[in-house]
Amino acid sequence: MGKAGTSAAGVVKRGPKAPAQPRSETAEKILDLAEMLIQTRGCSAFSYQDIADALKIRKASIHYHFESKTDLVVAVIDRYSDRLEKALDQIARDETATSMAMLDHYTAAYTAFAETRDRVCLSGALAGEILALPPALRERVALFFRSHQRWLKRILTRGAARGEFRLSESAEKTARLVFGALQGALLVKRTTGDAAQLRDVIAALKSQLRAAQS
């Protein structure tokens, strides 16, 4: 969920950027609602009118903060990615934690989504309609996916080096497996309504990764 360059924690960074200017309370409420609508309906299934009606504001107020829908969704993705990037950085920097504990922190976000009725990962939701998105949004979704796989690869490599994980494939391939399984299981859960779908996938992944006991 980042761009060029890699932090010490293994999260792909988007590069230097100007300090973010504080947003107004209205702008934050717009972003909060837009994020939820993308996660539950999809990007193409909501409009500025939906936001205006829900927040009881004029559409002109939304355009004041976000001139176009693309501008709005870019801001939603960037805020979401920055939030997760900081969390992943913090997790990976904790040298006292086991690699499995780090992985547990990561999967906890998926489990939280699974406890909701139909909310999924923001970029996972956007990936479902990737061909209909403008280039700026496609790029951000792709960067999000690559960044998370890179972070997982770092944690898997760490776990293998510490004797905590047993990898049957390379850390890179295993990271792709873990990420794909989690994203896919969350979508299947939304379709079936069965939260055990995700819990079972997480349990199976952990069982495969856990190093053999001596």
C-alpha atoms as a PDB file:
ATOM      1  CA  MET A   1       0.000   0.000   0.000  1.00  0.00           C
ATOM      2  CA  GLY A   2       2.831   2.325  -0.717  1.00  0.00           C
ATOM      3  CA  LYS A   3       5.080   3.422  -3.519  1.00  0.00           C
ATOM      4  CA  ALA A   4       8.802   3.350  -4.212  1.00  0.00           C
ATOM      5  CA  GLY A   5      11.265   2.722  -1.406  1.00  0.00           C
ATOM      6  CA  THR A   6      11.116   0.407   1.586  1.00  0.00           C
ATOM      7  CA  SER A   7      11.183   1.254   5.275  1.00  0.00           C
ATOM      8  CA  ALA A   8      13.196  -0.626   7.854  1.00  0.00           C
ATOM      9  CA  ALA A   9      10.008  -2.425   8.765  1.00  0.00           C
ATOM     10  CA  GLY A  10       9.529  -3.694   5.244  1.00  0.00           C
ATOM     11  CA  VAL A  11       6.566  -1.505   4.314  1.00  0.00           C
ATOM     12  CA  VAL A  12       6.758   0.083   0.884  1.00  0.00           C
ATOM     13  CA  LYS A  13       6.731   3.852   1.266  1.00  0.00           C
ATOM     14  CA  ARG A  14       5.159   6.318  -1.114  1.00  0.00           C
ATOM     15  CA  GLY A  15       8.180   8.578  -0.907  1.00  0.00           C
ATOM     16  CA  PRO A  16       8.626  12.100   0.542  1.00  0.00           C
ATOM     17  CA  LYS A  17       5.488  14.185   0.771  1.00  0.00           C
ATOM     18  CA  ALA A  18       4.458  17.446   2.288  1.00  0.00           C
ATOM     19  CA  PRO A  19       3.073  17.318   5.816  1.00  0.00           C
ATOM     20  CA  ALA A  20      -0.640  16.623   5.678  1.00  0.00           C
ATOM     21  CA  GLN A  21      -2.790  19.640   6.409  1.00  0.00           C
ATOM     22  CA  PRO A  22      -5.436  19.091   9.078  1.00  0.00           C
ATOM     23  CA  ARG A  23      -8.809  18.416   7.510  1.00  0.00           C
ATOM     24  CA  SER A  24     -12.023  19.940   8.713  1.00  0.00           C
ATOM     25  CA  GLU A  25     -14.504  17.866  10.684  1.00  0.00           C
ATOM     26  CA  THR A  26     -16.804  17.845   7.661  1.00  0.00           C
ATOM     27  CA  ALA A  27     -14.045  16.539   5.382  1.00  0.00           C
ATOM     28  CA  GLU A  28     -13.251  13.741   7.832  1.00  0.00           C
ATOM     29  CA  LYS A  29     -16.916  12.757   8.041  1.00  0.00           C
ATOM     30  CA  ILE A  30     -17.081  12.665   4.231  1.00  0.00           C
ATOM     31  CA  LEU A  31     -14.009  10.427   4.120  1.00  0.00           C
ATOM     32  CA  ASP A  32     -15.369   8.146   6.846  1.00  0.00           C
ATOM     33  CA  LEU A  33     -18.641   7.648   5.019  1.00  0.00           C
ATOM     34  CA  ALA A  34     -17.012   7.222   1.619  1.00  0.00           C
ATOM     35  CA  GLU A  35     -14.686   4.557   3.054  1.00  0.00           C
ATOM     36  CA  MET A  36     -17.617   2.650   4.503  1.00  0.00           C
ATOM     37  CA  LEU A  37     -19.611   2.913   1.260  1.00  0.00           C
ATOM     38  CA  ILE A  38     -16.694   1.600  -0.814  1.00  0.00           C
ATOM     39  CA  GLN A  39     -16.182  -1.294   1.598  1.00  0.00           C
ATOM     40  CA  THR A  40     -19.855  -2.283   1.583  1.00  0.00           C
ATOM     41  CA  ARG A  41     -21.183  -1.230  -1.836  1.00  0.00           C
ATOM     42  CA  GLY A  42     -18.166  -0.634  -4.034  1.00  0.00           C
ATOM     43  CA  CYS A  43     -16.767   2.521  -5.602  1.00  0.00           C
ATOM     44  CA  SER A  44     -19.198   2.711  -8.510  1.00  0.00           C
ATOM     45  CA  ALA A  45     -22.301   2.128  -6.371  1.00  0.00           C
ATOM     46  CA  PHE A  46     -22.345   5.378  -4.405  1.00  0.00           C
ATOM     47  CA  SER A  47     -22.603   9.015  -5.374  1.00  0.00           C
ATOM     48  CA  TYR A  48     -22.066  12.438  -3.861  1.00  0.00           C
ATOM     49  CA  GLN A  49     -25.825  12.571  -3.393  1.00  0.00           C
ATOM     50  CA  ASP A  50     -25.657   9.487  -1.142  1.00  0.00           C
ATOM     51  CA  ILE A  51     -23.077  11.232   1.031  1.00  0.00           C
ATOM     52  CA  ALA A  52     -24.968  14.518   1.041  1.00  0.00           C
ATOM     53  CA  ASP A  53     -28.190  12.788   2.101  1.00  0.00           C
ATOM     54  CA  ALA A  54     -26.503  10.762   4.858  1.00  0.00           C
ATOM     55  CA  LEU A  55     -24.593  13.728   6.310  1.00  0.00           C
ATOM     56  CA  LYS A  56     -27.400  16.223   5.628  1.00  0.00           C
ATOM     57  CA  ILE A  57     -25.135  18.579   3.705  1.00  0.00           C
ATOM     58  CA  ARG A  58     -25.227  20.025   0.196  1.00  0.00           C
ATOM     59  CA  LYS A  59     -23.335  18.347  -2.627  1.00  0.00           C
ATOM     60  CA  ALA A  60     -21.532  21.646  -3.105  1.00  0.00           C
ATOM     61  CA  SER A  61     -20.000  21.131   0.340  1.00  0.00           C
ATOM     62  CA  ILE A  62     -18.522  17.824  -0.786  1.00  0.00           C
ATOM     63  CA  HIS A  63     -17.164  19.362  -3.989  1.00  0.00           C
ATOM     64  CA  TYR A  64     -15.575  22.113  -1.896  1.00  0.00           C
ATOM     65  CA  HIS A  65     -13.420  19.519  -0.119  1.00  0.00           C
ATOM     66  CA  PHE A  66     -13.083  16.974  -2.958  1.00  0.00           C
ATOM     67  CA  GLU A  67     -13.601  18.412  -6.411  1.00  0.00           C
ATOM     68  CA  SER A  68     -14.280  15.073  -8.089  1.00  0.00           C
ATOM     69  CA  LYS A  69     -15.169  11.555  -7.009  1.00  0.00           C
ATOM     70  CA  THR A  70     -11.701  10.417  -8.052  1.00  0.00           C
ATOM     71  CA  ASP A  71     -10.199  13.049  -5.756  1.00  0.00           C
ATOM     72  CA  LEU A  72     -12.388  11.777  -2.936  1.00  0.00           C
ATOM     73  CA  VAL A  73     -11.511   8.112  -3.435  1.00  0.00           C
ATOM     74  CA  VAL A  74      -7.797   8.941  -3.768  1.00  0.00           C
ATOM     75  CA  ALA A  75      -8.005  10.718  -0.406  1.00  0.00           C
ATOM     76  CA  VAL A  76      -9.846   7.738   1.104  1.00  0.00           C
ATOM     77  CA  ILE A  77      -7.230   5.252  -0.128  1.00  0.00           C
ATOM     78  CA  ASP A  78      -4.298   7.411   0.944  1.00  0.00           C
ATOM     79  CA  ARG A  79      -5.712   7.910   4.436  1.00  0.00           C
ATOM     80  CA  TYR A  80      -6.501   4.202   4.779  1.00  0.00           C
ATOM     81  CA  SER A  81      -3.057   3.187   3.500  1.00  0.00           C
ATOM     82  CA  ASP A  82      -1.213   5.666   5.712  1.00  0.00           C
ATOM     83  CA  ARG A  83      -3.097   4.442   8.772  1.00  0.00           C
ATOM     84  CA  LEU A  84      -2.271   0.802   8.077  1.00  0.00           C
ATOM     85  CA  GLU A  85       1.295   1.589   7.075  1.00  0.00           C
ATOM     86  CA  LYS A  86       1.958   3.205  10.447  1.00  0.00           C
ATOM     87  CA  ALA A  87       0.395   0.253  12.259  1.00  0.00           C
ATOM     88  CA  LEU A  88       2.470  -2.271  10.312  1.00  0.00           C
ATOM     89  CA  ASP A  89       5.636  -0.262  10.929  1.00  0.00           C
ATOM     90  CA  GLN A  90       4.958  -0.316  14.653  1.00  0.00           C
ATOM     91  CA  ILE A  91       4.258  -4.056  14.674  1.00  0.00           C
ATOM     92  CA  ALA A  92       7.414  -4.946  12.743  1.00  0.00           C
ATOM     93  CA  ARG A  93       9.645  -2.787  14.944  1.00  0.00           C
ATOM     94  CA  ASP A  94       8.772  -4.682  18.126  1.00  0.00           C
ATOM     95  CA  GLU A  95      11.808  -6.917  18.537  1.00  0.00           C
ATOM     96  CA  THR A  96      10.319  -8.517  21.662  1.00  0.00           C
ATOM     97  CA  ALA A  97       7.329  -9.930  19.776  1.00  0.00           C
ATOM     98  CA  THR A  98       7.304 -13.340  18.138  1.00  0.00           C
ATOM     99  CA  SER A  99       6.791 -13.462  14.391  1.00  0.00           C
ATOM    100  CA  MET A 100       3.542 -15.358  14.948  1.00  0.00           C
ATOM    101  CA  ALA A 101       2.319 -12.558  17.231  1.00  0.00           C
ATOM    102  CA  MET A 102       3.094 -10.091  14.445  1.00  0.00           C
ATOM    103  CA  LEU A 103       1.099 -12.214  12.033  1.00  0.00           C
ATOM    104  CA  ASP A 104      -1.745 -12.387  14.553  1.00  0.00           C
ATOM    105  CA  HIS A 105      -1.843  -8.588  14.692  1.00  0.00           C
ATOM    106  CA  TYR A 106      -2.063  -8.529  10.910  1.00  0.00           C
ATOM    107  CA  THR A 107      -4.867 -11.081  10.639  1.00  0.00           C
ATOM    108  CA  ALA A 108      -6.815  -9.358  13.418  1.00  0.00           C
ATOM    109  CA  ALA A 109      -7.862  -6.657  10.953  1.00  0.00           C
ATOM    110  CA  TYR A 110      -9.387  -9.294   8.669  1.00  0.00           C
ATOM    111  CA  THR A 111     -11.134 -10.932  11.601  1.00  0.00           C
ATOM    112  CA  ALA A 112     -12.614  -7.571  12.587  1.00  0.00           C
ATOM    113  CA  PHE A 113     -14.007  -7.126   9.077  1.00  0.00           C
ATOM    114  CA  ALA A 114     -15.441 -10.646   9.198  1.00  0.00           C
ATOM    115  CA  GLU A 115     -17.400  -9.712  12.327  1.00  0.00           C
ATOM    116  CA  THR A 116     -19.254  -7.009  10.382  1.00  0.00           C
ATOM    117  CA  ARG A 117     -22.149  -7.810   8.104  1.00  0.00           C
ATOM    118  CA  ASP A 118     -20.557  -7.100   4.730  1.00  0.00           C
ATOM    119  CA  ARG A 119     -17.529  -4.835   5.157  1.00  0.00           C
ATOM    120  CA  VAL A 120     -14.257  -5.882   3.511  1.00  0.00           C
ATOM    121  CA  CYS A 121     -10.762  -4.472   3.063  1.00  0.00           C
ATOM    122  CA  LEU A 122     -10.960  -1.163   1.196  1.00  0.00           C
ATOM    123  CA  SER A 123      -8.455  -2.112  -1.488  1.00  0.00           C
ATOM    124  CA  GLY A 124      -9.961  -5.592  -1.747  1.00  0.00           C
ATOM    125  CA  ALA A 125     -13.313  -3.986  -2.500  1.00  0.00           C
ATOM    126  CA  LEU A 126     -11.746  -1.711  -5.098  1.00  0.00           C
ATOM    127  CA  ALA A 127      -9.888  -4.612  -6.716  1.00  0.00           C
ATOM    128  CA  GLY A 128     -13.246  -6.199  -7.539  1.00  0.00           C
ATOM    129  CA  GLU A 129     -13.967  -3.362  -9.956  1.00  0.00           C
ATOM    130  CA  ILE A 130     -10.404  -2.519 -10.951  1.00  0.00           C
ATOM    131  CA  LEU A 131     -11.100  -2.324 -14.700  1.00  0.00           C
ATOM    132  CA  ALA A 132     -13.696   0.386 -14.124  1.00  0.00           C
ATOM    133  CA  LEU A 133     -11.389   2.565 -12.024  1.00  0.00           C
ATOM    134  CA  PRO A 134      -9.329   5.497 -13.329  1.00  0.00           C
ATOM    135  CA  PRO A 135      -5.542   5.002 -13.481  1.00  0.00           C
ATOM    136  CA  ALA A 136      -4.839   6.942 -10.269  1.00  0.00           C
ATOM    137  CA  LEU A 137      -7.000   4.534  -8.287  1.00  0.00           C
ATOM    138  CA  ARG A 138      -5.700   1.409 -10.032  1.00  0.00           C
ATOM    139  CA  GLU A 139      -2.141   2.381  -9.170  1.00  0.00           C
ATOM    140  CA  ARG A 140      -2.944   2.903  -5.517  1.00  0.00           C
ATOM    141  CA  VAL A 141      -4.717  -0.432  -5.186  1.00  0.00           C
ATOM    142  CA  ALA A 142      -1.789  -2.236  -6.824  1.00  0.00           C
ATOM    143  CA  LEU A 143       0.669  -0.454  -4.525  1.00  0.00           C
ATOM    144  CA  PHE A 144      -1.413  -1.405  -1.498  1.00  0.00           C
ATOM    145  CA  PHE A 145      -1.291  -5.084  -2.454  1.00  0.00           C
ATOM    146  CA  ARG A 146       2.437  -5.061  -3.176  1.00  0.00           C
ATOM    147  CA  SER A 147       3.204  -3.271   0.069  1.00  0.00           C
ATOM    148  CA  HIS A 148       1.288  -5.774   2.200  1.00  0.00           C
ATOM    149  CA  GLN A 149       2.912  -8.719   0.466  1.00  0.00           C
ATOM    150  CA  ARG A 150       6.316  -7.128   1.021  1.00  0.00           C
ATOM    151  CA  TRP A 151       5.552  -6.675   4.739  1.00  0.00           C
ATOM    152  CA  LEU A 152       4.376 -10.279   5.030  1.00  0.00           C
ATOM    153  CA  LYS A 153       7.537 -11.457   3.286  1.00  0.00           C
ATOM    154  CA  ARG A 154       9.627  -9.614   5.879  1.00  0.00           C
ATOM    155  CA  ILE A 155       7.736 -11.173   8.789  1.00  0.00           C
ATOM    156  CA  LEU A 156       7.906 -14.644   7.231  1.00  0.00           C
ATOM    157  CA  THR A 157      11.637 -14.282   6.599  1.00  0.00           C
ATOM    158  CA  ARG A 158      12.116 -13.154  10.205  1.00  0.00           C
ATOM    159  CA  GLY A 159      10.089 -16.079  11.514  1.00  0.00           C
ATOM    160  CA  ALA A 160      11.998 -18.613   9.439  1.00  0.00           C
ATOM    161  CA  ALA A 161      15.357 -17.200  10.557  1.00  0.00           C
ATOM    162  CA  ARG A 162      14.280 -17.403  14.211  1.00  0.00           C
ATOM    163  CA  GLY A 163      13.011 -20.964  13.848  1.00  0.00           C
ATOM    164  CA  GLU A 164       9.404 -19.871  14.412  1.00  0.00           C
ATOM    165  CA  PHE A 165       8.107 -20.646  10.932  1.00  0.00           C
ATOM    166  CA  ARG A 166       8.624 -23.552   8.578  1.00  0.00           C
ATOM    167  CA  LEU A 167       8.291 -22.435   4.956  1.00  0.00           C
ATOM    168  CA  SER A 168       7.698 -24.993   2.233  1.00  0.00           C
ATOM    169  CA  GLU A 169       8.175 -22.285  -0.412  1.00  0.00           C
ATOM    170  CA  SER A 170      10.120 -19.026  -0.530  1.00  0.00           C
ATOM    171  CA  ALA A 171       9.057 -16.214   1.790  1.00  0.00           C
ATOM    172  CA  GLU A 172       7.888 -14.236  -1.244  1.00  0.00           C
ATOM    173  CA  LYS A 173       5.652 -17.024  -2.533  1.00  0.00           C
ATOM    174  CA  THR A 174       4.330 -17.722   0.953  1.00  0.00           C
ATOM    175  CA  ALA A 175       3.538 -14.022   1.452  1.00  0.00           C
ATOM    176  CA  ARG A 176       1.480 -14.097  -1.731  1.00  0.00           C
ATOM    177  CA  LEU A 177      -0.318 -17.208  -0.483  1.00  0.00           C
ATOM    178  CA  VAL A 178      -1.141 -15.649   2.891  1.00  0.00           C
ATOM    179  CA  PHE A 179      -2.309 -12.350   1.428  1.00  0.00           C
ATOM    180  CA  GLY A 180      -4.385 -13.982  -1.305  1.00  0.00           C
ATOM    181  CA  ALA A 181      -5.964 -16.451   1.113  1.00  0.00           C
ATOM    182  CA  LEU A 182      -6.969 -13.725   3.561  1.00  0.00           C
ATOM    183  CA  GLN A 183      -8.402 -11.410   0.940  1.00  0.00           C
ATOM    184  CA  GLY A 184     -10.253 -14.250  -0.772  1.00  0.00           C
ATOM    185  CA  ALA A 185     -11.632 -15.692   2.460  1.00  0.00           C
ATOM    186  CA  LEU A 186     -13.007 -12.298   3.443  1.00  0.00           C
ATOM    187  CA  LEU A 187     -14.896 -12.036   0.156  1.00  0.00           C
ATOM    188  CA  VAL A 188     -16.235 -15.581   0.499  1.00  0.00           C
ATOM    189  CA  LYS A 189     -17.360 -14.766   4.037  1.00  0.00           C
ATOM    190  CA  ARG A 190     -19.282 -11.751   2.756  1.00  0.00           C
ATOM    191  CA  THR A 191     -21.004 -13.980   0.209  1.00  0.00           C
ATOM    192  CA  THR A 192     -21.853 -16.838   2.570  1.00  0.00           C
ATOM    193  CA  GLY A 193     -22.211 -14.901   5.807  1.00  0.00           C
ATOM    194  CA  ASP A 194     -20.104 -17.557   7.546  1.00  0.00           C
ATOM    195  CA  ALA A 195     -17.334 -15.930   9.620  1.00  0.00           C
ATOM    196  CA  ALA A 196     -15.833 -19.384  10.214  1.00  0.00           C
ATOM    197  CA  GLN A 197     -14.652 -19.211   6.593  1.00  0.00           C
ATOM    198  CA  LEU A 198     -11.993 -16.679   7.520  1.00  0.00           C
ATOM    199  CA  ARG A 199     -11.180 -18.157  10.921  1.00  0.00           C
ATOM    200  CA  ASP A 200     -10.566 -21.569   9.367  1.00  0.00           C
ATOM    201  CA  VAL A 201      -8.277 -20.095   6.709  1.00  0.00           C
ATOM    202  CA  ILE A 202      -6.251 -18.247   9.350  1.00  0.00           C
ATOM    203  CA  ALA A 203      -5.969 -21.385  11.489  1.00  0.00           C
ATOM    204  CA  ALA A 204      -4.826 -23.458   8.496  1.00  0.00           C
ATOM    205  CA  LEU A 205      -2.235 -20.869   7.477  1.00  0.00           C
ATOM    206  CA  LYS A 206      -0.831 -20.697  10.999  1.00  0.00           C
ATOM    207  CA  SER A 207      -0.704 -24.489  11.246  1.00  0.00           C
ATOM    208  CA  GLN A 208       1.282 -24.677   8.013  1.00  0.00           C
ATOM    209  CA  LEU A 209       3.679 -21.934   9.111  1.00  0.00           C
ATOM    210  CA  ARG A 210       4.317 -23.136  12.641  1.00  0.00           C
ATOM    211  CA  ALA A 211       7.724 -24.711  12.992  1.00  0.00           C
ATOM    212  CA  ALA A 212       7.838 -28.397  13.961  1.00  0.00           C
ATOM    213  CA  GLN A 213       8.240 -28.909  17.661  1.00  0.00           C
ATOM    214  CA  SER A 214      11.519 -30.498  18.659  1.00  0.00           C
END
